[in-house]
C-alpha atoms as a PDB file:
ATOM      1  CA  MET A   1      25.908-185.281 -32.641  1.00  0.00           C
ATOM      2  CA  GLN A   2      23.684-182.714 -31.030  1.00  0.00           C
ATOM      3  CA  TRP A   3      23.103-182.751 -27.298  1.00  0.00           C
ATOM      4  CA  LYS A   4      20.584-181.042 -25.029  1.00  0.00           C
ATOM      5  CA  LYS A   5      22.192-180.117 -21.735  1.00  0.00           C
ATOM      6  CA  ARG A   6      20.096-180.958 -18.681  1.00  0.00           C
ATOM      7  CA  GLY A   7      22.399-179.319 -16.127  1.00  0.00           C
ATOM      8  CA  VAL A   8      23.741-180.672 -12.827  1.00  0.00           C
ATOM      9  CA  ILE A   9      21.721-183.640 -11.553  1.00  0.00           C
ATOM     10  CA  TRP A  10      23.624-184.459  -8.360  1.00  0.00           C
ATOM     11  CA  GLY A  11      26.405-183.327  -6.065  1.00  0.00           C
ATOM     12  CA  PRO A  12      27.275-184.091  -2.435  1.00  0.00           C
ATOM     13  CA  LYS A  13      25.494-182.070   0.235  1.00  0.00           C
ATOM     14  CA  GLY A  14      28.803-181.510   2.019  1.00  0.00           C
ATOM     15  CA  ASP A  15      27.653-182.907   5.357  1.00  0.00           C
ATOM     16  CA  SER A  16      29.678-186.159   5.197  1.00  0.00           C
ATOM     17  CA  PRO A  17      33.379-186.049   6.168  1.00  0.00           C
ATOM     18  CA  TRP A  18      34.307-188.189   3.141  1.00  0.00           C
ATOM     19  CA  ALA A  19      32.116-186.198   0.699  1.00  0.00           C
ATOM     20  CA  ARG A  20      32.609-182.496   1.310  1.00  0.00           C
ATOM     21  CA  SER A  21      32.726-181.561  -2.386  1.00  0.00           C
ATOM     22  CA  HIS A  22      32.906-182.699  -6.023  1.00  0.00           C
ATOM     23  CA  ALA A  23      31.258-185.538  -7.928  1.00  0.00           C
ATOM     24  CA  MET A  24      34.047-186.619 -10.281  1.00  0.00           C
ATOM     25  CA  LEU A  25      34.291-189.101 -13.137  1.00  0.00           C
ATOM     26  CA  PRO A  26      30.667-190.263 -13.440  1.00  0.00           C
ATOM     27  CA  THR A  27      30.571-193.926 -14.477  1.00  0.00           C
ATOM     28  CA  PRO A  28      27.064-195.072 -15.480  1.00  0.00           C
ATOM     29  CA  VAL A  29      25.907-198.694 -15.562  1.00  0.00           C
ATOM     30  CA  LEU A  30      22.460-199.758 -16.736  1.00  0.00           C
ATOM     31  CA  VAL A  31      21.215-201.940 -13.862  1.00  0.00           C
ATOM     32  CA  ASP A  32      17.822-202.787 -15.347  1.00  0.00           C
ATOM     33  CA  ALA A  33      15.131-201.255 -17.553  1.00  0.00           C
ATOM     34  CA  ASP A  34      14.247-198.758 -14.833  1.00  0.00           C
ATOM     35  CA  THR A  35      17.564-197.884 -13.211  1.00  0.00           C
ATOM     36  CA  ILE A  36      20.952-196.433 -14.102  1.00  0.00           C
ATOM     37  CA  ARG A  37      23.578-196.642 -11.380  1.00  0.00           C
ATOM     38  CA  VAL A  38      26.166-193.869 -11.625  1.00  0.00           C
ATOM     39  CA  TYR A  39      29.409-194.496  -9.768  1.00  0.00           C
ATOM     40  CA  VAL A  40      31.129-191.253  -8.816  1.00  0.00           C
ATOM     41  CA  ASN A  41      33.949-189.936  -6.638  1.00  0.00           C
ATOM     42  CA  CYS A  42      33.647-187.313  -3.901  1.00  0.00           C
ATOM     43  CA  ARG A  43      36.371-185.421  -2.062  1.00  0.00           C
ATOM     44  CA  ASP A  44      36.932-184.866   1.640  1.00  0.00           C
ATOM     45  CA  ALA A  45      38.145-181.598   3.179  1.00  0.00           C
ATOM     46  CA  GLU A  46      41.751-182.469   2.224  1.00  0.00           C
ATOM     47  CA  GLY A  47      40.837-183.138  -1.408  1.00  0.00           C
ATOM     48  CA  ARG A  48      41.149-186.931  -1.144  1.00  0.00           C
ATOM     49  CA  ALA A  49      38.631-188.809  -3.289  1.00  0.00           C
ATOM     50  CA  ARG A  50      36.577-191.887  -2.456  1.00  0.00           C
ATOM     51  CA  PRO A  51      34.074-193.717  -4.709  1.00  0.00           C
ATOM     52  CA  THR A  52      30.343-193.991  -4.089  1.00  0.00           C
ATOM     53  CA  PHE A  53      27.225-194.218  -6.267  1.00  0.00           C
ATOM     54  CA  ILE A  54      23.779-192.845  -6.918  1.00  0.00           C
ATOM     55  CA  GLU A  55      20.917-194.422  -8.829  1.00  0.00           C
ATOM     56  CA  VAL A  56      18.791-192.475 -11.302  1.00  0.00           C
ATOM     57  CA  SER A  57      15.695-193.211 -13.314  1.00  0.00           C
ATOM     58  CA  ALA A  58      16.308-194.786 -16.731  1.00  0.00           C
ATOM     59  CA  LYS A  59      13.186-192.982 -17.904  1.00  0.00           C
ATOM     60  CA  ASP A  60      14.540-189.598 -16.779  1.00  0.00           C
ATOM     61  CA  PRO A  61      18.163-189.703 -15.543  1.00  0.00           C
ATOM     62  CA  ALA A  62      17.773-186.263 -13.986  1.00  0.00           C
ATOM     63  CA  CYS A  63      15.579-187.950 -11.367  1.00  0.00           C
ATOM     64  CA  VAL A  64      17.714-189.342  -8.517  1.00  0.00           C
ATOM     65  CA  LEU A  65      16.195-192.450  -6.921  1.00  0.00           C
ATOM     66  CA  HIS A  66      18.834-193.421  -4.366  1.00  0.00           C
ATOM     67  CA  GLU A  67      22.135-192.237  -2.854  1.00  0.00           C
ATOM     68  CA  ALA A  68      24.662-194.542  -1.206  1.00  0.00           C
ATOM     69  CA  GLU A  69      25.328-193.521   2.383  1.00  0.00           C
ATOM     70  CA  SER A  70      29.007-194.461   2.550  1.00  0.00           C
ATOM     71  CA  PRO A  71      32.049-194.803   0.278  1.00  0.00           C
ATOM     72  CA  LEU A  72      32.580-198.072  -1.555  1.00  0.00           C
ATOM     73  CA  LEU A  73      36.249-198.108  -0.556  1.00  0.00           C
ATOM     74  CA  ASP A  74      38.277-196.086   1.911  1.00  0.00           C
ATOM     75  CA  LEU A  75      41.825-194.774   1.510  1.00  0.00           C
ATOM     76  CA  GLY A  76      44.614-197.309   1.306  1.00  0.00           C
ATOM     77  CA  GLU A  77      47.041-197.944   4.131  1.00  0.00           C
ATOM     78  CA  PRO A  78      49.837-195.356   4.588  1.00  0.00           C
ATOM     79  CA  GLY A  79      52.521-195.908   1.980  1.00  0.00           C
ATOM     80  CA  SER A  80      50.223-197.719  -0.448  1.00  0.00           C
ATOM     81  CA  PHE A  81      49.483-196.599  -4.003  1.00  0.00           C
ATOM     82  CA  ASP A  82      46.014-195.319  -3.048  1.00  0.00           C
ATOM     83  CA  ASP A  83      46.665-193.729   0.344  1.00  0.00           C
ATOM     84  CA  SER A  84      45.930-190.209  -0.953  1.00  0.00           C
ATOM     85  CA  GLY A  85      42.687-190.936  -2.789  1.00  0.00           C
ATOM     86  CA  LEU A  86      41.032-193.324  -5.224  1.00  0.00           C
ATOM     87  CA  THR A  87      38.592-192.818  -8.088  1.00  0.00           C
ATOM     88  CA  VAL A  88      36.468-195.411  -9.885  1.00  0.00           C
ATOM     89  CA  THR A  89      36.595-195.111 -13.682  1.00  0.00           C
ATOM     90  CA  SER A  90      35.067-198.373 -14.931  1.00  0.00           C
ATOM     91  CA  VAL A  91      32.635-201.005 -13.604  1.00  0.00           C
ATOM     92  CA  VAL A  92      32.202-204.274 -15.514  1.00  0.00           C
ATOM     93  CA  ASP A  93      30.122-207.448 -15.216  1.00  0.00           C
ATOM     94  CA  ALA A  94      32.891-210.047 -15.001  1.00  0.00           C
ATOM     95  CA  GLY A  95      30.629-213.094 -15.046  1.00  0.00           C
ATOM     96  CA  SER A  96      30.209-215.810 -12.407  1.00  0.00           C
ATOM     97  CA  GLY A  97      28.304-213.365 -10.201  1.00  0.00           C
ATOM     98  CA  ARG A  98      31.217-210.928  -9.957  1.00  0.00           C
ATOM     99  CA  THR A  99      31.432-207.234 -10.755  1.00  0.00           C
ATOM    100  CA  PHE A 100      34.854-205.663 -11.298  1.00  0.00           C
ATOM    101  CA  MET A 101      35.517-202.060 -10.333  1.00  0.00           C
ATOM    102  CA  TYR A 102      38.677-200.554 -11.788  1.00  0.00           C
ATOM    103  CA  TYR A 103      39.925-197.510  -9.908  1.00  0.00           C
ATOM    104  CA  VAL A 104      42.827-195.082  -9.926  1.00  0.00           C
ATOM    105  CA  GLY A 105      44.982-194.746  -6.820  1.00  0.00           C
ATOM    106  CA  PHE A 106      46.625-191.413  -5.986  1.00  0.00           C
ATOM    107  CA  GLU A 107      50.088-191.508  -4.427  1.00  0.00           C
ATOM    108  CA  LEU A 108      51.631-188.173  -3.484  1.00  0.00           C
ATOM    109  CA  LEU A 109      55.363-187.872  -4.192  1.00  0.00           C
ATOM    110  CA  LYS A 110      58.165-185.424  -3.428  1.00  0.00           C
ATOM    111  CA  THR A 111      60.073-184.893  -6.687  1.00  0.00           C
ATOM    112  CA  VAL A 112      56.879-184.872  -8.804  1.00  0.00           C
ATOM    113  CA  ARG A 113      53.348-184.148  -7.619  1.00  0.00           C
ATOM    114  CA  TYR A 114      51.883-187.651  -7.748  1.00  0.00           C
ATOM    115  CA  ARG A 115      51.793-191.069  -9.376  1.00  0.00           C
ATOM    116  CA  LEU A 116      48.570-192.683 -10.685  1.00  0.00           C
ATOM    117  CA  LEU A 117      48.197-196.463 -10.941  1.00  0.00           C
ATOM    118  CA  THR A 118      45.194-198.763 -11.354  1.00  0.00           C
ATOM    119  CA  GLY A 119      43.660-201.018  -8.734  1.00  0.00           C
ATOM    120  CA  LEU A 120      40.831-203.544  -8.772  1.00  0.00           C
ATOM    121  CA  ALA A 121      37.967-204.185  -6.361  1.00  0.00           C
ATOM    122  CA  ILE A 122      35.421-206.998  -6.690  1.00  0.00           C
ATOM    123  CA  SER A 123      31.734-207.187  -5.808  1.00  0.00           C
ATOM    124  CA  ALA A 124      29.652-210.308  -5.204  1.00  0.00           C
ATOM    125  CA  ASP A 125      26.331-208.461  -4.782  1.00  0.00           C
ATOM    126  CA  GLY A 126      25.855-206.835  -8.172  1.00  0.00           C
ATOM    127  CA  GLY A 127      28.032-203.783  -7.577  1.00  0.00           C
ATOM    128  CA  LYS A 128      26.556-202.494  -4.310  1.00  0.00           C
ATOM    129  CA  THR A 129      29.611-203.261  -2.162  1.00  0.00           C
ATOM    130  CA  PHE A 130      33.233-203.958  -3.086  1.00  0.00           C
ATOM    131  CA  THR A 131      36.391-205.463  -1.600  1.00  0.00           C
ATOM    132  CA  ARG A 132      39.916-204.809  -2.836  1.00  0.00           C
ATOM    133  CA  HIS A 133      41.306-207.654  -4.915  1.00  0.00           C
ATOM    134  CA  GLN A 134      44.771-206.832  -3.577  1.00  0.00           C
ATOM    135  CA  GLU A 135      46.573-203.975  -1.840  1.00  0.00           C
ATOM    136  CA  THR A 136      48.864-203.351  -4.817  1.00  0.00           C
ATOM    137  CA  PRO A 137      48.008-202.133  -8.332  1.00  0.00           C
ATOM    138  CA  ILE A 138      46.973-204.506 -11.097  1.00  0.00           C
ATOM    139  CA  LEU A 139      48.600-201.976 -13.451  1.00  0.00           C
ATOM    140  CA  GLU A 140      51.907-201.497 -11.668  1.00  0.00           C
ATOM    141  CA  ARG A 141      54.471-198.976 -12.931  1.00  0.00           C
ATOM    142  CA  SER A 142      56.785-200.183 -15.669  1.00  0.00           C
ATOM    143  CA  SER A 143      59.775-198.758 -17.513  1.00  0.00           C
ATOM    144  CA  ALA A 144      57.568-197.814 -20.474  1.00  0.00           C
ATOM    145  CA  GLU A 145      54.688-196.456 -18.348  1.00  0.00           C
ATOM    146  CA  LEU A 146      56.463-195.154 -15.287  1.00  0.00           C
ATOM    147  CA  LEU A 147      54.204-192.593 -13.604  1.00  0.00           C
ATOM    148  CA  PHE A 148      50.735-193.005 -15.083  1.00  0.00           C
ATOM    149  CA  ARG A 149      48.835-196.220 -15.808  1.00  0.00           C
ATOM    150  CA  CYS A 150      45.369-195.035 -15.038  1.00  0.00           C
ATOM    151  CA  GLY A 151      41.900-193.876 -16.115  1.00  0.00           C
ATOM    152  CA  PRO A 152      40.930-197.279 -17.532  1.00  0.00           C
ATOM    153  CA  HIS A 153      37.724-198.134 -19.321  1.00  0.00           C
ATOM    154  CA  VAL A 154      37.239-201.895 -19.543  1.00  0.00           C
ATOM    155  CA  MET A 155      34.822-203.831 -21.741  1.00  0.00           C
ATOM    156  CA  ARG A 156      34.158-207.574 -21.651  1.00  0.00           C
ATOM    157  CA  ASP A 157      33.906-208.309 -25.347  1.00  0.00           C
ATOM    158  CA  GLU A 158      34.346-211.328 -27.597  1.00  0.00           C
ATOM    159  CA  GLY A 159      35.500-213.520 -24.714  1.00  0.00           C
ATOM    160  CA  VAL A 160      38.229-211.203 -23.438  1.00  0.00           C
ATOM    161  CA  PHE A 161      38.577-208.113 -21.274  1.00  0.00           C
ATOM    162  CA  LYS A 162      39.578-205.094 -23.354  1.00  0.00           C
ATOM    163  CA  MET A 163      41.127-202.089 -21.638  1.00  0.00           C
ATOM    164  CA  TRP A 164      41.672-198.564 -22.902  1.00  0.00           C
ATOM    165  CA  TYR A 165      43.690-196.441 -20.486  1.00  0.00           C
ATOM    166  CA  ILE A 166      46.023-193.473 -20.288  1.00  0.00           C
ATOM    167  CA  ALA A 167      49.721-193.885 -19.637  1.00  0.00           C
ATOM    168  CA  GLY A 168      52.944-191.911 -19.594  1.00  0.00           C
ATOM    169  CA  SER A 169      56.197-191.174 -17.813  1.00  0.00           C
ATOM    170  CA  ASP A 170      56.583-187.393 -17.929  1.00  0.00           C
ATOM    171  CA  TRP A 171      55.611-184.090 -16.367  1.00  0.00           C
ATOM    172  CA  GLU A 172      55.883-180.628 -17.896  1.00  0.00           C
ATOM    173  CA  VAL A 173      55.031-177.085 -16.829  1.00  0.00           C
ATOM    174  CA  VAL A 174      51.741-175.749 -18.227  1.00  0.00           C
ATOM    175  CA  GLN A 175      50.749-172.164 -17.415  1.00  0.00           C
ATOM    176  CA  GLY A 176      53.216-172.145 -14.549  1.00  0.00           C
ATOM    177  CA  LYS A 177      52.069-175.432 -12.980  1.00  0.00           C
ATOM    178  CA  PRO A 178      53.368-178.998 -13.317  1.00  0.00           C
ATOM    179  CA  ALA A 179      51.069-181.116 -15.470  1.00  0.00           C
ATOM    180  CA  PRO A 180      51.193-184.799 -16.508  1.00  0.00           C
ATOM    181  CA  VAL A 181      51.815-185.922 -20.081  1.00  0.00           C
ATOM    182  CA  TYR A 182      50.048-189.082 -21.280  1.00  0.00           C
ATOM    183  CA  ASP A 183      48.269-190.642 -24.243  1.00  0.00           C
ATOM    184  CA  LEU A 184      45.884-193.557 -24.863  1.00  0.00           C
ATOM    185  CA  ARG A 185      46.988-197.199 -24.666  1.00  0.00           C
ATOM    186  CA  TYR A 186      45.198-200.511 -25.257  1.00  0.00           C
ATOM    187  CA  GLN A 187      45.600-204.091 -24.089  1.00  0.00           C
ATOM    188  CA  GLU A 188      43.641-207.286 -23.438  1.00  0.00           C
ATOM    189  CA  SER A 189      43.340-209.789 -20.595  1.00  0.00           C
ATOM    190  CA  VAL A 190      41.810-213.232 -20.337  1.00  0.00           C
ATOM    191  CA  ASP A 191      40.567-212.785 -16.775  1.00  0.00           C
ATOM    192  CA  GLY A 192      40.437-209.003 -16.291  1.00  0.00           C
ATOM    193  CA  ILE A 193      42.928-209.247 -13.430  1.00  0.00           C
ATOM    194  CA  HIS A 194      46.299-209.956 -15.018  1.00  0.00           C
ATOM    195  CA  TRP A 195      47.553-207.400 -17.544  1.00  0.00           C
ATOM    196  CA  GLN A 196      50.737-206.736 -19.469  1.00  0.00           C
ATOM    197  CA  GLN A 197      53.508-204.357 -18.405  1.00  0.00           C
ATOM    198  CA  GLU A 198      53.019-202.218 -21.492  1.00  0.00           C
ATOM    199  CA  GLY A 199      50.014-201.456 -23.660  1.00  0.00           C
ATOM    200  CA  ARG A 200      49.799-200.795 -27.364  1.00  0.00           C
ATOM    201  CA  SER A 201      49.696-197.131 -28.383  1.00  0.00           C
ATOM    202  CA  SER A 202      46.124-196.491 -29.498  1.00  0.00           C
ATOM    203  CA  LEU A 203      45.650-192.720 -29.788  1.00  0.00           C
ATOM    204  CA  GLN A 204      48.509-190.248 -29.853  1.00  0.00           C
ATOM    205  CA  LEU A 205      48.704-186.595 -28.866  1.00  0.00           C
ATOM    206  CA  THR A 206      48.729-184.279 -31.876  1.00  0.00           C
ATOM    207  CA  GLY A 207      50.179-180.810 -32.312  1.00  0.00           C
ATOM    208  CA  GLU A 208      51.970-178.767 -29.695  1.00  0.00           C
ATOM    209  CA  ASP A 209      48.859-177.801 -27.745  1.00  0.00           C
ATOM    210  CA  GLU A 210      47.764-181.236 -26.481  1.00  0.00           C
ATOM    211  CA  HIS A 211      49.497-182.783 -23.490  1.00  0.00           C
ATOM    212  CA  GLY A 212      47.038-185.333 -22.145  1.00  0.00           C
ATOM    213  CA  PHE A 213      43.839-187.323 -22.542  1.00  0.00           C
ATOM    214  CA  GLY A 214      41.222-187.908 -19.857  1.00  0.00           C
ATOM    215  CA  ARG A 215      39.435-191.156 -18.994  1.00  0.00           C
ATOM    216  CA  PRO A 216      38.315-192.870 -22.231  1.00  0.00           C
ATOM    217  CA  TRP A 217      34.821-194.282 -22.651  1.00  0.00           C
ATOM    218  CA  VAL A 218      34.292-196.885 -25.375  1.00  0.00           C
ATOM    219  CA  SER A 219      31.033-198.293 -26.723  1.00  0.00           C
ATOM    220  CA  ARG A 220      30.039-200.508 -29.620  1.00  0.00           C
ATOM    221  CA  SER A 221      28.521-198.768 -32.641  1.00  0.00           C
ATOM    222  CA  ALA A 222      25.565-200.026 -34.678  1.00  0.00           C
ATOM    223  CA  ASN A 223      27.859-201.218 -37.497  1.00  0.00           C
ATOM    224  CA  GLY A 224      29.897-203.405 -35.137  1.00  0.00           C
ATOM    225  CA  GLY A 225      32.761-200.943 -34.734  1.00  0.00           C
ATOM    226  CA  PHE A 226      33.733-198.855 -31.734  1.00  0.00           C
ATOM    227  CA  ARG A 227      33.073-195.298 -30.562  1.00  0.00           C
ATOM    228  CA  LEU A 228      35.463-193.432 -28.273  1.00  0.00           C
ATOM    229  CA  PHE A 229      34.408-190.572 -26.016  1.00  0.00           C
ATOM    230  CA  TYR A 230      37.371-188.931 -24.331  1.00  0.00           C
ATOM    231  CA  SER A 231      38.792-185.681 -22.949  1.00  0.00           C
ATOM    232  CA  ILE A 232      41.634-183.604 -24.364  1.00  0.00           C
ATOM    233  CA  ARG A 233      43.873-181.482 -22.152  1.00  0.00           C
ATOM    234  CA  ARG A 234      45.297-178.430 -23.929  1.00  0.00           C
ATOM    235  CA  ARG A 235      48.173-176.170 -22.887  1.00  0.00           C
ATOM    236  CA  SER A 236      46.548-173.014 -24.242  1.00  0.00           C
ATOM    237  CA  LEU A 237      43.410-173.530 -22.180  1.00  0.00           C
ATOM    238  CA  GLY A 238      44.836-175.191 -19.101  1.00  0.00           C
ATOM    239  CA  ALA A 239      41.660-177.294 -19.103  1.00  0.00           C
ATOM    240  CA  TYR A 240      39.860-180.195 -20.752  1.00  0.00           C
ATOM    241  CA  ARG A 241      37.594-180.255 -23.800  1.00  0.00           C
ATOM    242  CA  LEU A 242      35.744-183.280 -25.205  1.00  0.00           C
ATOM    243  CA  GLY A 243      36.813-185.415 -28.136  1.00  0.00           C
ATOM    244  CA  TYR A 244      35.284-188.217 -30.175  1.00  0.00           C
ATOM    245  CA  ALA A 245      36.741-190.948 -32.412  1.00  0.00           C
ATOM    246  CA  GLU A 246      35.673-194.072 -34.293  1.00  0.00           C
ATOM    247  CA  SER A 247      37.415-197.368 -35.009  1.00  0.00           C
ATOM    248  CA  ALA A 248      36.730-200.616 -36.812  1.00  0.00           C
ATOM    249  CA  ASN A 249      38.823-202.691 -34.402  1.00  0.00           C
ATOM    250  CA  GLY A 250      38.924-200.614 -31.209  1.00  0.00           C
ATOM    251  CA  ILE A 251      42.664-200.016 -31.539  1.00  0.00           C
ATOM    252  CA  ASP A 252      43.260-197.738 -34.524  1.00  0.00           C
ATOM    253  CA  TRP A 253      41.144-194.616 -34.159  1.00  0.00           C
ATOM    254  CA  ILE A 254      39.995-191.926 -36.567  1.00  0.00           C
ATOM    255  CA  ARG A 255      39.575-188.695 -34.652  1.00  0.00           C
ATOM    256  CA  LYS A 256      36.302-186.860 -35.295  1.00  0.00           C
ATOM    257  CA  ASP A 257      36.444-184.368 -32.456  1.00  0.00           C
ATOM    258  CA  ALA A 258      34.256-181.816 -34.237  1.00  0.00           C
ATOM    259  CA  GLU A 259      31.414-184.354 -34.316  1.00  0.00           C
ATOM    260  CA  MET A 260      31.222-184.631 -30.521  1.00  0.00           C
ATOM    261  CA  GLY A 261      28.911-181.628 -30.415  1.00  0.00           C
ATOM    262  CA  LEU A 262      29.226-181.019 -26.673  1.00  0.00           C
ATOM    263  CA  ASP A 263      31.304-178.058 -25.522  1.00  0.00           C
ATOM    264  CA  ILE A 264      31.531-175.489 -22.739  1.00  0.00           C
ATOM    265  CA  SER A 265      28.661-173.121 -21.979  1.00  0.00           C
ATOM    266  CA  ALA A 266      28.764-169.338 -21.774  1.00  0.00           C
ATOM    267  CA  ASN A 267      28.230-169.588 -18.037  1.00  0.00           C
ATOM    268  CA  GLY A 268      27.401-172.120 -15.368  1.00  0.00           C
ATOM    269  CA  PRO A 269      29.031-175.342 -14.138  1.00  0.00           C
ATOM    270  CA  ASP A 270      30.751-176.155 -17.470  1.00  0.00           C
ATOM    271  CA  SER A 271      31.755-172.653 -18.583  1.00  0.00           C
ATOM    272  CA  ALA A 272      35.528-173.116 -18.139  1.00  0.00           C
ATOM    273  CA  ALA A 273      36.036-176.840 -18.710  1.00  0.00           C
ATOM    274  CA  ILE A 274      34.178-179.955 -19.834  1.00  0.00           C
ATOM    275  CA  MET A 275      35.476-183.497 -19.312  1.00  0.00           C
ATOM    276  CA  TYR A 276      34.979-187.192 -18.517  1.00  0.00           C
ATOM    277  CA  SER A 277      32.179-187.824 -21.015  1.00  0.00           C
ATOM    278  CA  THR A 278      30.315-191.151 -21.015  1.00  0.00           C
ATOM    279  CA  TYR A 279      27.680-192.719 -23.228  1.00  0.00           C
ATOM    280  CA  VAL A 280      24.744-194.861 -22.123  1.00  0.00           C
ATOM    281  CA  GLU A 281      21.493-195.912 -23.805  1.00  0.00           C
ATOM    282  CA  ALA A 282      18.269-196.384 -21.853  1.00  0.00           C
ATOM    283  CA  ARG A 283      14.608-196.561 -22.823  1.00  0.00           C
ATOM    284  CA  GLY A 284      15.408-195.809 -26.464  1.00  0.00           C
ATOM    285  CA  LYS A 285      17.354-192.637 -25.660  1.00  0.00           C
ATOM    286  CA  SER A 286      21.068-191.841 -25.364  1.00  0.00           C
ATOM    287  CA  TYR A 287      22.688-189.867 -22.566  1.00  0.00           C
ATOM    288  CA  CYS A 288      26.058-188.405 -21.625  1.00  0.00           C
ATOM    289  CA  PHE A 289      27.052-188.007 -17.985  1.00  0.00           C
ATOM    290  CA  TYR A 290      30.039-185.693 -17.640  1.00  0.00           C
ATOM    291  CA  ASN A 291      31.879-183.153 -15.459  1.00  0.00           C
ATOM    292  CA  GLY A 292      32.439-179.438 -15.850  1.00  0.00           C
ATOM    293  CA  ASN A 293      34.575-176.855 -14.087  1.00  0.00           C
ATOM    294  CA  ASP A 294      37.264-177.911 -11.598  1.00  0.00           C
ATOM    295  CA  PHE A 295      36.901-181.645 -12.263  1.00  0.00           C
ATOM    296  CA  GLY A 296      33.277-181.833 -11.146  1.00  0.00           C
ATOM    297  CA  LEU A 297      33.156-179.277  -8.346  1.00  0.00           C
ATOM    298  CA  ASP A 298      29.462-178.579  -9.004  1.00  0.00           C
ATOM    299  CA  GLY A 299      28.483-182.198  -9.499  1.00  0.00           C
ATOM    300  CA  ILE A 300      27.412-184.617 -12.239  1.00  0.00           C
ATOM    301  CA  CYS A 301      26.174-182.985 -15.438  1.00  0.00           C
ATOM    302  CA  LEU A 302      23.747-184.664 -17.842  1.00  0.00           C
ATOM    303  CA  ALA A 303      23.144-184.223 -21.571  1.00  0.00           C
ATOM    304  CA  GLU A 304      20.586-185.990 -23.775  1.00  0.00           C
ATOM    305  CA  LEU A 305      21.322-186.833 -27.399  1.00  0.00           C
ATOM    306  CA  SER A 306      18.830-185.100 -29.683  1.00  0.00           C
ATOM    307  CA  HIS A 307      20.390-185.943 -33.077  1.00  0.00           C
ATOM    308  CA  ALA A 308      23.069-188.529 -33.821  1.00  0.00           C
END
């Protein structure tokens, strides 16, 4: 794949207490033929994230049409799994007039830096406003996935909800700082609410340099298979790079990272890191919304596919 980078298309102005900086984990949804809604997460002055959204033109996604004026959800109650921040990673049409928003809750800890678990919020107005389904995670910690059950991408496909997510139970020191260790897991749900305590291993870390994957993004390919866009965290770099894989069944992946064709730039907002890639088609064109340096400090970046 060959991509044309369009640069940063949006970032918070910094004048809202809940959105002082960052535009992390862009999550695009095609609303109609004219509009792409991009859910995104902004940080307050203490670094705590909250989800919001912008809407961009499907004809030219660099053109911002609308910005939400408030966060979709606020921090959880003290002591809850999302009291230190929450980030949307997947938004799905669940049928019956409902939209499901899967989000990651940040819980600061003492013996390790944090724990990341997955929550669910539900919308009855097409994804403009959301209410928590419950105050506890729908992916609660388990003995096999103790510290991280997070970063999910969910697809409603063939009558079931399919989830790809990252999970793990360990921390290690990378370039002098504690860093999480996790790989990609997969599982299915009938209703999108109730999930198993352990997923099936779907994509494993390889070599000594990799220690984590970022939020996966899965789409159907023209031949009926699946395409995986994901991020790879490497010890030698201390930062993310993008990866790409293909699968016939959505579970067993063939890595084709070299075919992603989207890497860091010599300078600018993605000169040190590139992560959280997505894939969306609109008006006969294909786009990737992604983040660059410092987990989206400069905002949402856009790239347009020029050659598949």
